[in-house]
């Protein structure tokens, strides 16, 4: 009996070691849950209070509760000038750098859609919204695709978070606010120490449990769809430099700068390798 019990325990131990070894080979973070929202914004915008009078030329007439109501587009507050400064965009950059962020709306009473809980808004969602100065000074999103929980009464604050969307093989879009990731310190492209995030942490087991079976297509916010493709080996080595706002791959010294110094990363598309089924 004791011998049988010993063999059973030994077999379980061997299975656990094998499982751990396979996990280490993949080197993918173990969390199988969707990413949580960050508590560290890149920018905090204070919305003028409810006594503010806006220039009538800024207001639009929209339909709200079967009545015509004057509304101020939320794009009035979330300007390209703000996001250009955060991502170090040059004065000649014409891309919509607002696309590189997620947006957290907070009411004067502390209410937030995160309380529901809901993710922060992408730029494509936020730009469809309005402030209704005469209706509880609330935000309003006409699209039925955006839950009413985003209609925040007496809006007071909009927090900006640098975000990267990972598109899973099945098409699901997973929003990562990168300041919620653990940080490391690496030498940047000038040889100076800089805080960075591991790119591999964006490919958690919620994205895939077999990361080596995929390639990773980086896309930026430009209209021409500029992209670069990376292997899992490269992703494991890669970092996102927090202040330089670009990638670095320390072990891949021969990598072209167009890949090594990828800027304005907006999306990572996870693509099945052709020789893997």
C-alpha atoms as a PDB file:
ATOM      1  CA  UNK A   1       0.000   0.000   0.000  1.00  0.00           C
ATOM      2  CA  UNK A   2       2.788   2.415   0.955  1.00  0.00           C
ATOM      3  CA  UNK A   3       4.633   1.544  -2.241  1.00  0.00           C
ATOM      4  CA  UNK A   4       1.546   2.288  -4.334  1.00  0.00           C
ATOM      5  CA  UNK A   5       0.992   5.602  -2.568  1.00  0.00           C
ATOM      6  CA  UNK A   6       4.655   6.533  -3.138  1.00  0.00           C
ATOM      7  CA  UNK A   7       4.350   5.792  -6.851  1.00  0.00           C
ATOM      8  CA  UNK A   8       1.200   7.915  -7.126  1.00  0.00           C
ATOM      9  CA  UNK A   9       2.887  10.875  -5.392  1.00  0.00           C
ATOM     10  CA  UNK A  10       5.966  10.451  -7.606  1.00  0.00           C
ATOM     11  CA  UNK A  11       3.810  10.427 -10.762  1.00  0.00           C
ATOM     12  CA  UNK A  12       1.967  13.600  -9.714  1.00  0.00           C
ATOM     13  CA  UNK A  13       5.312  15.295  -9.034  1.00  0.00           C
ATOM     14  CA  UNK A  14       6.634  14.366 -12.473  1.00  0.00           C
ATOM     15  CA  UNK A  15       3.486  15.712 -14.123  1.00  0.00           C
ATOM     16  CA  UNK A  16       3.828  19.013 -12.252  1.00  0.00           C
ATOM     17  CA  UNK A  17       7.476  19.356 -13.272  1.00  0.00           C
ATOM     18  CA  UNK A  18       6.588  18.681 -16.905  1.00  0.00           C
ATOM     19  CA  UNK A  19       3.793  21.250 -16.819  1.00  0.00           C
ATOM     20  CA  UNK A  20       6.089  23.856 -15.287  1.00  0.00           C
ATOM     21  CA  UNK A  21       8.783  23.141 -17.878  1.00  0.00           C
ATOM     22  CA  UNK A  22       6.336  23.633 -20.740  1.00  0.00           C
ATOM     23  CA  UNK A  23       5.166  26.907 -19.206  1.00  0.00           C
ATOM     24  CA  UNK A  24       8.748  28.115 -18.849  1.00  0.00           C
ATOM     25  CA  UNK A  25       9.469  27.232 -22.490  1.00  0.00           C
ATOM     26  CA  UNK A  26       6.581  29.432 -23.616  1.00  0.00           C
ATOM     27  CA  UNK A  27       7.682  32.148 -21.179  1.00  0.00           C
ATOM     28  CA  UNK A  28       4.225  33.723 -21.205  1.00  0.00           C
ATOM     29  CA  UNK A  29       2.748  35.425 -18.102  1.00  0.00           C
ATOM     30  CA  UNK A  30       0.469  33.034 -16.254  1.00  0.00           C
ATOM     31  CA  UNK A  31      -2.582  35.283 -15.832  1.00  0.00           C
ATOM     32  CA  UNK A  32      -5.586  34.006 -17.752  1.00  0.00           C
ATOM     33  CA  UNK A  33      -7.740  37.027 -16.905  1.00  0.00           C
ATOM     34  CA  UNK A  34      -8.345  40.112 -19.071  1.00  0.00           C
ATOM     35  CA  UNK A  35      -6.040  43.027 -18.181  1.00  0.00           C
ATOM     36  CA  UNK A  36      -7.115  45.405 -15.445  1.00  0.00           C
ATOM     37  CA  UNK A  37      -7.220  49.157 -15.912  1.00  0.00           C
ATOM     38  CA  UNK A  38      -4.256  51.204 -14.753  1.00  0.00           C
ATOM     39  CA  UNK A  39      -4.188  53.560 -11.787  1.00  0.00           C
ATOM     40  CA  UNK A  40      -1.317  55.636 -13.221  1.00  0.00           C
ATOM     41  CA  UNK A  41      -2.490  58.078 -15.922  1.00  0.00           C
ATOM     42  CA  UNK A  42      -0.220  59.761 -18.441  1.00  0.00           C
ATOM     43  CA  UNK A  43      -2.286  62.935 -18.174  1.00  0.00           C
ATOM     44  CA  UNK A  44      -5.163  64.229 -16.042  1.00  0.00           C
ATOM     45  CA  UNK A  45      -7.504  66.756 -17.610  1.00  0.00           C
ATOM     46  CA  UNK A  46      -9.789  68.777 -15.364  1.00  0.00           C
ATOM     47  CA  UNK A  47     -13.040  69.594 -17.159  1.00  0.00           C
ATOM     48  CA  UNK A  48     -14.300  73.161 -16.534  1.00  0.00           C
ATOM     49  CA  UNK A  49     -17.122  73.088 -13.972  1.00  0.00           C
ATOM     50  CA  UNK A  50     -20.844  73.179 -14.697  1.00  0.00           C
ATOM     51  CA  UNK A  51     -21.053  76.990 -14.441  1.00  0.00           C
ATOM     52  CA  UNK A  52     -18.902  77.388 -17.558  1.00  0.00           C
ATOM     53  CA  UNK A  53     -20.462  79.183 -20.528  1.00  0.00           C
ATOM     54  CA  UNK A  54     -19.265  77.832 -23.869  1.00  0.00           C
ATOM     55  CA  UNK A  55     -19.041  79.785 -27.099  1.00  0.00           C
ATOM     56  CA  UNK A  56     -22.307  78.979 -28.977  1.00  0.00           C
ATOM     57  CA  UNK A  57     -20.307  78.342 -32.154  1.00  0.00           C
ATOM     58  CA  UNK A  58     -18.736  75.308 -30.458  1.00  0.00           C
ATOM     59  CA  UNK A  59     -22.099  73.673 -29.735  1.00  0.00           C
ATOM     60  CA  UNK A  60     -24.040  71.280 -31.946  1.00  0.00           C
ATOM     61  CA  UNK A  61     -27.767  70.528 -31.985  1.00  0.00           C
ATOM     62  CA  UNK A  62     -28.331  66.816 -31.362  1.00  0.00           C
ATOM     63  CA  UNK A  63     -31.308  64.626 -30.504  1.00  0.00           C
ATOM     64  CA  UNK A  64     -31.486  63.583 -26.863  1.00  0.00           C
ATOM     65  CA  UNK A  65     -34.589  61.998 -25.299  1.00  0.00           C
ATOM     66  CA  UNK A  66     -36.700  63.020 -28.318  1.00  0.00           C
ATOM     67  CA  UNK A  67     -35.709  66.662 -28.006  1.00  0.00           C
ATOM     68  CA  UNK A  68     -33.143  68.882 -29.647  1.00  0.00           C
ATOM     69  CA  UNK A  69     -30.330  69.627 -27.206  1.00  0.00           C
ATOM     70  CA  UNK A  70     -27.161  71.639 -27.517  1.00  0.00           C
ATOM     71  CA  UNK A  71     -24.029  69.560 -27.085  1.00  0.00           C
ATOM     72  CA  UNK A  72     -20.281  70.091 -26.977  1.00  0.00           C
ATOM     73  CA  UNK A  73     -18.165  67.363 -28.653  1.00  0.00           C
ATOM     74  CA  UNK A  74     -15.766  65.719 -26.189  1.00  0.00           C
ATOM     75  CA  UNK A  75     -13.038  66.256 -28.780  1.00  0.00           C
ATOM     76  CA  UNK A  76     -13.047  69.869 -27.588  1.00  0.00           C
ATOM     77  CA  UNK A  77     -11.270  68.697 -24.435  1.00  0.00           C
ATOM     78  CA  UNK A  78      -9.149  65.813 -25.737  1.00  0.00           C
ATOM     79  CA  UNK A  79      -6.935  67.642 -28.175  1.00  0.00           C
ATOM     80  CA  UNK A  80      -4.121  66.483 -30.415  1.00  0.00           C
ATOM     81  CA  UNK A  81      -1.837  69.065 -28.793  1.00  0.00           C
ATOM     82  CA  UNK A  82      -2.101  67.250 -25.455  1.00  0.00           C
ATOM     83  CA  UNK A  83      -1.435  63.761 -26.815  1.00  0.00           C
ATOM     84  CA  UNK A  84       1.304  64.984 -29.192  1.00  0.00           C
ATOM     85  CA  UNK A  85       3.227  66.245 -26.187  1.00  0.00           C
ATOM     86  CA  UNK A  86       2.878  62.947 -24.294  1.00  0.00           C
ATOM     87  CA  UNK A  87       4.113  60.767 -27.184  1.00  0.00           C
ATOM     88  CA  UNK A  88       6.847  63.221 -28.235  1.00  0.00           C
ATOM     89  CA  UNK A  89       5.293  63.794 -31.667  1.00  0.00           C
ATOM     90  CA  UNK A  90       7.041  66.351 -33.879  1.00  0.00           C
ATOM     91  CA  UNK A  91       5.330  69.569 -34.933  1.00  0.00           C
ATOM     92  CA  UNK A  92       4.999  68.153 -38.466  1.00  0.00           C
ATOM     93  CA  UNK A  93       3.192  65.000 -37.320  1.00  0.00           C
ATOM     94  CA  UNK A  94      -0.324  64.937 -38.776  1.00  0.00           C
ATOM     95  CA  UNK A  95      -1.474  61.610 -37.272  1.00  0.00           C
ATOM     96  CA  UNK A  96      -4.236  61.454 -34.681  1.00  0.00           C
ATOM     97  CA  UNK A  97      -2.145  60.750 -31.623  1.00  0.00           C
ATOM     98  CA  UNK A  98      -5.346  60.634 -29.555  1.00  0.00           C
ATOM     99  CA  UNK A  99      -5.712  57.062 -30.907  1.00  0.00           C
ATOM    100  CA  UNK A 100      -2.800  55.973 -28.712  1.00  0.00           C
ATOM    101  CA  UNK A 101      -4.717  56.427 -25.463  1.00  0.00           C
ATOM    102  CA  UNK A 102      -7.622  55.091 -23.424  1.00  0.00           C
ATOM    103  CA  UNK A 103      -9.839  57.549 -21.551  1.00  0.00           C
ATOM    104  CA  UNK A 104     -11.300  57.291 -18.062  1.00  0.00           C
ATOM    105  CA  UNK A 105     -14.314  59.516 -17.319  1.00  0.00           C
ATOM    106  CA  UNK A 106     -14.967  60.565 -13.715  1.00  0.00           C
ATOM    107  CA  UNK A 107     -17.912  62.534 -12.312  1.00  0.00           C
ATOM    108  CA  UNK A 108     -17.788  65.241  -9.680  1.00  0.00           C
ATOM    109  CA  UNK A 109     -19.259  62.765  -7.174  1.00  0.00           C
ATOM    110  CA  UNK A 110     -16.534  60.211  -7.978  1.00  0.00           C
ATOM    111  CA  UNK A 111     -18.687  58.053 -10.248  1.00  0.00           C
ATOM    112  CA  UNK A 112     -16.821  56.219 -12.991  1.00  0.00           C
ATOM    113  CA  UNK A 113     -17.827  53.600 -15.585  1.00  0.00           C
ATOM    114  CA  UNK A 114     -15.080  51.493 -14.029  1.00  0.00           C
ATOM    115  CA  UNK A 115     -17.467  50.983 -11.114  1.00  0.00           C
ATOM    116  CA  UNK A 116     -19.738  48.799 -13.307  1.00  0.00           C
ATOM    117  CA  UNK A 117     -17.065  47.486 -14.177  1.00  0.00           C
ATOM    118  CA  UNK A 118     -16.335  48.677 -17.717  1.00  0.00           C
ATOM    119  CA  UNK A 119     -13.126  49.367 -19.583  1.00  0.00           C
ATOM    120  CA  UNK A 120     -11.963  52.880 -20.322  1.00  0.00           C
ATOM    121  CA  UNK A 121     -12.949  54.338 -23.687  1.00  0.00           C
ATOM    122  CA  UNK A 122     -10.864  54.089 -26.825  1.00  0.00           C
ATOM    123  CA  UNK A 123     -10.440  57.187 -28.975  1.00  0.00           C
ATOM    124  CA  UNK A 124     -12.928  55.877 -31.545  1.00  0.00           C
ATOM    125  CA  UNK A 125     -15.510  55.594 -28.776  1.00  0.00           C
ATOM    126  CA  UNK A 126     -14.698  58.860 -27.029  1.00  0.00           C
ATOM    127  CA  UNK A 127     -14.770  60.980 -30.188  1.00  0.00           C
ATOM    128  CA  UNK A 128     -18.422  60.036 -30.742  1.00  0.00           C
ATOM    129  CA  UNK A 129     -19.423  61.497 -27.374  1.00  0.00           C
ATOM    130  CA  UNK A 130     -20.708  64.850 -26.183  1.00  0.00           C
ATOM    131  CA  UNK A 131     -20.989  66.986 -23.089  1.00  0.00           C
ATOM    132  CA  UNK A 132     -24.562  68.180 -22.486  1.00  0.00           C
ATOM    133  CA  UNK A 133     -24.179  71.478 -20.585  1.00  0.00           C
ATOM    134  CA  UNK A 134     -27.911  71.803 -19.902  1.00  0.00           C
ATOM    135  CA  UNK A 135     -28.591  68.151 -19.000  1.00  0.00           C
ATOM    136  CA  UNK A 136     -26.883  67.522 -15.654  1.00  0.00           C
ATOM    137  CA  UNK A 137     -23.590  68.518 -17.313  1.00  0.00           C
ATOM    138  CA  UNK A 138     -23.337  64.893 -18.370  1.00  0.00           C
ATOM    139  CA  UNK A 139     -21.502  63.020 -21.066  1.00  0.00           C
ATOM    140  CA  UNK A 140     -23.627  61.359 -23.734  1.00  0.00           C
ATOM    141  CA  UNK A 141     -22.874  58.771 -26.411  1.00  0.00           C
ATOM    142  CA  UNK A 142     -25.573  58.436 -29.085  1.00  0.00           C
ATOM    143  CA  UNK A 143     -24.409  54.996 -30.238  1.00  0.00           C
ATOM    144  CA  UNK A 144     -26.278  52.014 -28.811  1.00  0.00           C
ATOM    145  CA  UNK A 145     -22.955  50.148 -28.911  1.00  0.00           C
ATOM    146  CA  UNK A 146     -21.685  52.261 -25.986  1.00  0.00           C
ATOM    147  CA  UNK A 147     -23.415  51.400 -22.668  1.00  0.00           C
ATOM    148  CA  UNK A 148     -25.349  54.121 -20.863  1.00  0.00           C
ATOM    149  CA  UNK A 149     -22.970  53.675 -17.925  1.00  0.00           C
ATOM    150  CA  UNK A 150     -20.604  55.982 -19.828  1.00  0.00           C
ATOM    151  CA  UNK A 151     -23.130  58.836 -19.475  1.00  0.00           C
ATOM    152  CA  UNK A 152     -21.415  60.475 -16.508  1.00  0.00           C
ATOM    153  CA  UNK A 153     -23.309  63.210 -14.652  1.00  0.00           C
ATOM    154  CA  UNK A 154     -21.386  66.401 -13.842  1.00  0.00           C
ATOM    155  CA  UNK A 155     -18.229  65.247 -15.559  1.00  0.00           C
ATOM    156  CA  UNK A 156     -15.156  66.641 -13.804  1.00  0.00           C
ATOM    157  CA  UNK A 157     -12.109  64.677 -14.927  1.00  0.00           C
ATOM    158  CA  UNK A 158     -10.787  62.798 -17.955  1.00  0.00           C
ATOM    159  CA  UNK A 159      -7.707  60.664 -17.355  1.00  0.00           C
ATOM    160  CA  UNK A 160      -5.495  59.629 -20.289  1.00  0.00           C
ATOM    161  CA  UNK A 161      -3.688  56.267 -20.330  1.00  0.00           C
ATOM    162  CA  UNK A 162      -1.146  55.222 -22.958  1.00  0.00           C
ATOM    163  CA  UNK A 163      -2.729  52.089 -24.365  1.00  0.00           C
ATOM    164  CA  UNK A 164      -1.937  49.235 -26.731  1.00  0.00           C
ATOM    165  CA  UNK A 165      -4.634  46.951 -28.132  1.00  0.00           C
ATOM    166  CA  UNK A 166      -3.735  43.303 -28.679  1.00  0.00           C
ATOM    167  CA  UNK A 167      -5.909  41.658 -31.330  1.00  0.00           C
ATOM    168  CA  UNK A 168      -6.269  37.942 -30.601  1.00  0.00           C
ATOM    169  CA  UNK A 169      -6.333  35.331 -33.389  1.00  0.00           C
ATOM    170  CA  UNK A 170     -10.144  35.154 -33.108  1.00  0.00           C
ATOM    171  CA  UNK A 171     -10.409  38.936 -33.590  1.00  0.00           C
ATOM    172  CA  UNK A 172     -11.122  39.881 -29.974  1.00  0.00           C
ATOM    173  CA  UNK A 173      -9.540  43.223 -29.090  1.00  0.00           C
ATOM    174  CA  UNK A 174      -7.875  43.337 -25.672  1.00  0.00           C
ATOM    175  CA  UNK A 175      -7.059  46.785 -24.299  1.00  0.00           C
ATOM    176  CA  UNK A 176      -3.867  47.126 -22.270  1.00  0.00           C
ATOM    177  CA  UNK A 177      -3.052  50.317 -20.393  1.00  0.00           C
ATOM    178  CA  UNK A 178       0.672  49.780 -20.269  1.00  0.00           C
ATOM    179  CA  UNK A 179       1.370  51.660 -17.048  1.00  0.00           C
ATOM    180  CA  UNK A 180      -0.332  48.784 -15.192  1.00  0.00           C
ATOM    181  CA  UNK A 181       2.524  46.450 -16.234  1.00  0.00           C
ATOM    182  CA  UNK A 182       5.585  45.747 -14.103  1.00  0.00           C
ATOM    183  CA  UNK A 183       8.605  47.859 -15.010  1.00  0.00           C
ATOM    184  CA  UNK A 184      12.251  46.976 -15.658  1.00  0.00           C
ATOM    185  CA  UNK A 185      15.317  49.129 -16.257  1.00  0.00           C
ATOM    186  CA  UNK A 186      17.298  48.811 -19.495  1.00  0.00           C
ATOM    187  CA  UNK A 187      19.825  50.899 -21.383  1.00  0.00           C
ATOM    188  CA  UNK A 188      17.979  52.909 -24.015  1.00  0.00           C
ATOM    189  CA  UNK A 189      19.145  53.692 -27.547  1.00  0.00           C
ATOM    190  CA  UNK A 190      21.497  56.347 -26.180  1.00  0.00           C
ATOM    191  CA  UNK A 191      23.017  53.911 -23.698  1.00  0.00           C
ATOM    192  CA  UNK A 192      21.344  55.495 -20.677  1.00  0.00           C
ATOM    193  CA  UNK A 193      19.250  53.611 -18.085  1.00  0.00           C
ATOM    194  CA  UNK A 194      15.513  54.001 -18.645  1.00  0.00           C
ATOM    195  CA  UNK A 195      12.311  52.534 -17.219  1.00  0.00           C
ATOM    196  CA  UNK A 196      10.658  50.115 -19.623  1.00  0.00           C
ATOM    197  CA  UNK A 197       7.899  47.515 -19.950  1.00  0.00           C
ATOM    198  CA  UNK A 198       8.372  43.961 -21.239  1.00  0.00           C
ATOM    199  CA  UNK A 199       6.512  43.459 -24.521  1.00  0.00           C
ATOM    200  CA  UNK A 200       5.999  39.790 -23.657  1.00  0.00           C
ATOM    201  CA  UNK A 201       3.774  40.855 -20.745  1.00  0.00           C
ATOM    202  CA  UNK A 202       1.205  42.052 -23.299  1.00  0.00           C
ATOM    203  CA  UNK A 203       0.956  38.475 -24.586  1.00  0.00           C
ATOM    204  CA  UNK A 204      -0.455  36.902 -21.440  1.00  0.00           C
ATOM    205  CA  UNK A 205      -2.102  33.495 -21.344  1.00  0.00           C
ATOM    206  CA  UNK A 206      -5.421  35.327 -21.808  1.00  0.00           C
ATOM    207  CA  UNK A 207      -4.131  36.124 -25.307  1.00  0.00           C
ATOM    208  CA  UNK A 208      -2.636  32.679 -25.997  1.00  0.00           C
ATOM    209  CA  UNK A 209      -1.089  29.790 -24.077  1.00  0.00           C
ATOM    210  CA  UNK A 210       1.137  28.909 -27.055  1.00  0.00           C
ATOM    211  CA  UNK A 211       2.819  32.222 -27.967  1.00  0.00           C
ATOM    212  CA  UNK A 212       5.569  30.555 -30.034  1.00  0.00           C
ATOM    213  CA  UNK A 213       2.919  29.449 -32.541  1.00  0.00           C
ATOM    214  CA  UNK A 214       2.267  33.024 -33.674  1.00  0.00           C
ATOM    215  CA  UNK A 215       3.882  36.041 -35.250  1.00  0.00           C
ATOM    216  CA  UNK A 216       3.179  39.538 -33.948  1.00  0.00           C
ATOM    217  CA  UNK A 217       2.286  42.370 -36.303  1.00  0.00           C
ATOM    218  CA  UNK A 218       2.801  45.865 -34.875  1.00  0.00           C
ATOM    219  CA  UNK A 219       0.607  48.633 -36.271  1.00  0.00           C
ATOM    220  CA  UNK A 220       0.740  52.338 -35.551  1.00  0.00           C
ATOM    221  CA  UNK A 221      -1.883  55.095 -35.715  1.00  0.00           C
ATOM    222  CA  UNK A 222      -1.125  56.212 -39.260  1.00  0.00           C
ATOM    223  CA  UNK A 223      -3.679  55.982 -42.053  1.00  0.00           C
ATOM    224  CA  UNK A 224      -1.345  54.033 -44.353  1.00  0.00           C
ATOM    225  CA  UNK A 225      -1.308  51.029 -42.011  1.00  0.00           C
ATOM    226  CA  UNK A 226       2.454  51.006 -41.393  1.00  0.00           C
ATOM    227  CA  UNK A 227       3.440  47.717 -39.749  1.00  0.00           C
ATOM    228  CA  UNK A 228       6.337  45.487 -38.735  1.00  0.00           C
ATOM    229  CA  UNK A 229       6.249  41.762 -37.963  1.00  0.00           C
ATOM    230  CA  UNK A 230       8.071  40.138 -35.035  1.00  0.00           C
ATOM    231  CA  UNK A 231       8.750  36.592 -33.880  1.00  0.00           C
ATOM    232  CA  UNK A 232       7.961  35.365 -30.379  1.00  0.00           C
ATOM    233  CA  UNK A 233      11.700  35.237 -29.710  1.00  0.00           C
ATOM    234  CA  UNK A 234      11.938  38.942 -30.550  1.00  0.00           C
ATOM    235  CA  UNK A 235       8.872  39.763 -28.442  1.00  0.00           C
ATOM    236  CA  UNK A 236      10.458  38.032 -25.437  1.00  0.00           C
ATOM    237  CA  UNK A 237      13.491  40.286 -25.787  1.00  0.00           C
ATOM    238  CA  UNK A 238      11.623  43.502 -26.614  1.00  0.00           C
ATOM    239  CA  UNK A 239      10.855  46.427 -24.311  1.00  0.00           C
ATOM    240  CA  UNK A 240       8.690  49.516 -24.535  1.00  0.00           C
ATOM    241  CA  UNK A 241      10.695  52.525 -23.310  1.00  0.00           C
ATOM    242  CA  UNK A 242       8.498  54.595 -21.024  1.00  0.00           C
ATOM    243  CA  UNK A 243      10.019  58.021 -21.695  1.00  0.00           C
ATOM    244  CA  UNK A 244      11.557  57.542 -25.139  1.00  0.00           C
ATOM    245  CA  UNK A 245       8.165  56.221 -26.329  1.00  0.00           C
ATOM    246  CA  UNK A 246       9.564  53.531 -28.617  1.00  0.00           C
ATOM    247  CA  UNK A 247      10.628  49.896 -28.625  1.00  0.00           C
ATOM    248  CA  UNK A 248      14.079  48.453 -28.081  1.00  0.00           C
ATOM    249  CA  UNK A 249      15.332  44.873 -28.590  1.00  0.00           C
ATOM    250  CA  UNK A 250      18.612  44.689 -26.631  1.00  0.00           C
ATOM    251  CA  UNK A 251      19.765  41.280 -27.879  1.00  0.00           C
ATOM    252  CA  UNK A 252      18.966  41.871 -31.556  1.00  0.00           C
ATOM    253  CA  UNK A 253      21.802  44.234 -32.450  1.00  0.00           C
ATOM    254  CA  UNK A 254      21.453  43.622 -36.210  1.00  0.00           C
ATOM    255  CA  UNK A 255      17.729  44.397 -36.295  1.00  0.00           C
ATOM    256  CA  UNK A 256      16.895  47.310 -38.665  1.00  0.00           C
ATOM    257  CA  UNK A 257      16.031  50.546 -36.863  1.00  0.00           C
ATOM    258  CA  UNK A 258      12.583  50.500 -38.492  1.00  0.00           C
ATOM    259  CA  UNK A 259      11.852  47.424 -36.371  1.00  0.00           C
ATOM    260  CA  UNK A 260      14.055  48.102 -33.355  1.00  0.00           C
ATOM    261  CA  UNK A 261      12.770  51.650 -32.754  1.00  0.00           C
ATOM    262  CA  UNK A 262       9.064  51.220 -33.436  1.00  0.00           C
ATOM    263  CA  UNK A 263       7.154  54.382 -32.461  1.00  0.00           C
ATOM    264  CA  UNK A 264       3.481  55.086 -31.804  1.00  0.00           C
ATOM    265  CA  UNK A 265       2.613  51.435 -31.301  1.00  0.00           C
ATOM    266  CA  UNK A 266      -1.186  51.197 -31.274  1.00  0.00           C
ATOM    267  CA  UNK A 267      -2.016  47.547 -31.985  1.00  0.00           C
ATOM    268  CA  UNK A 268      -0.386  44.124 -31.901  1.00  0.00           C
ATOM    269  CA  UNK A 269      -2.074  41.551 -34.145  1.00  0.00           C
ATOM    270  CA  UNK A 270      -1.458  37.934 -33.119  1.00  0.00           C
ATOM    271  CA  UNK A 271      -1.202  35.895 -36.358  1.00  0.00           C
ATOM    272  CA  UNK A 272      -1.068  32.105 -36.628  1.00  0.00           C
ATOM    273  CA  UNK A 273       2.146  30.817 -38.213  1.00  0.00           C
ATOM    274  CA  UNK A 274       1.499  28.995 -41.490  1.00  0.00           C
ATOM    275  CA  UNK A 275       3.472  25.892 -40.493  1.00  0.00           C
ATOM    276  CA  UNK A 276       1.618  25.527 -37.188  1.00  0.00           C
ATOM    277  CA  UNK A 277      -1.859  24.038 -36.962  1.00  0.00           C
END
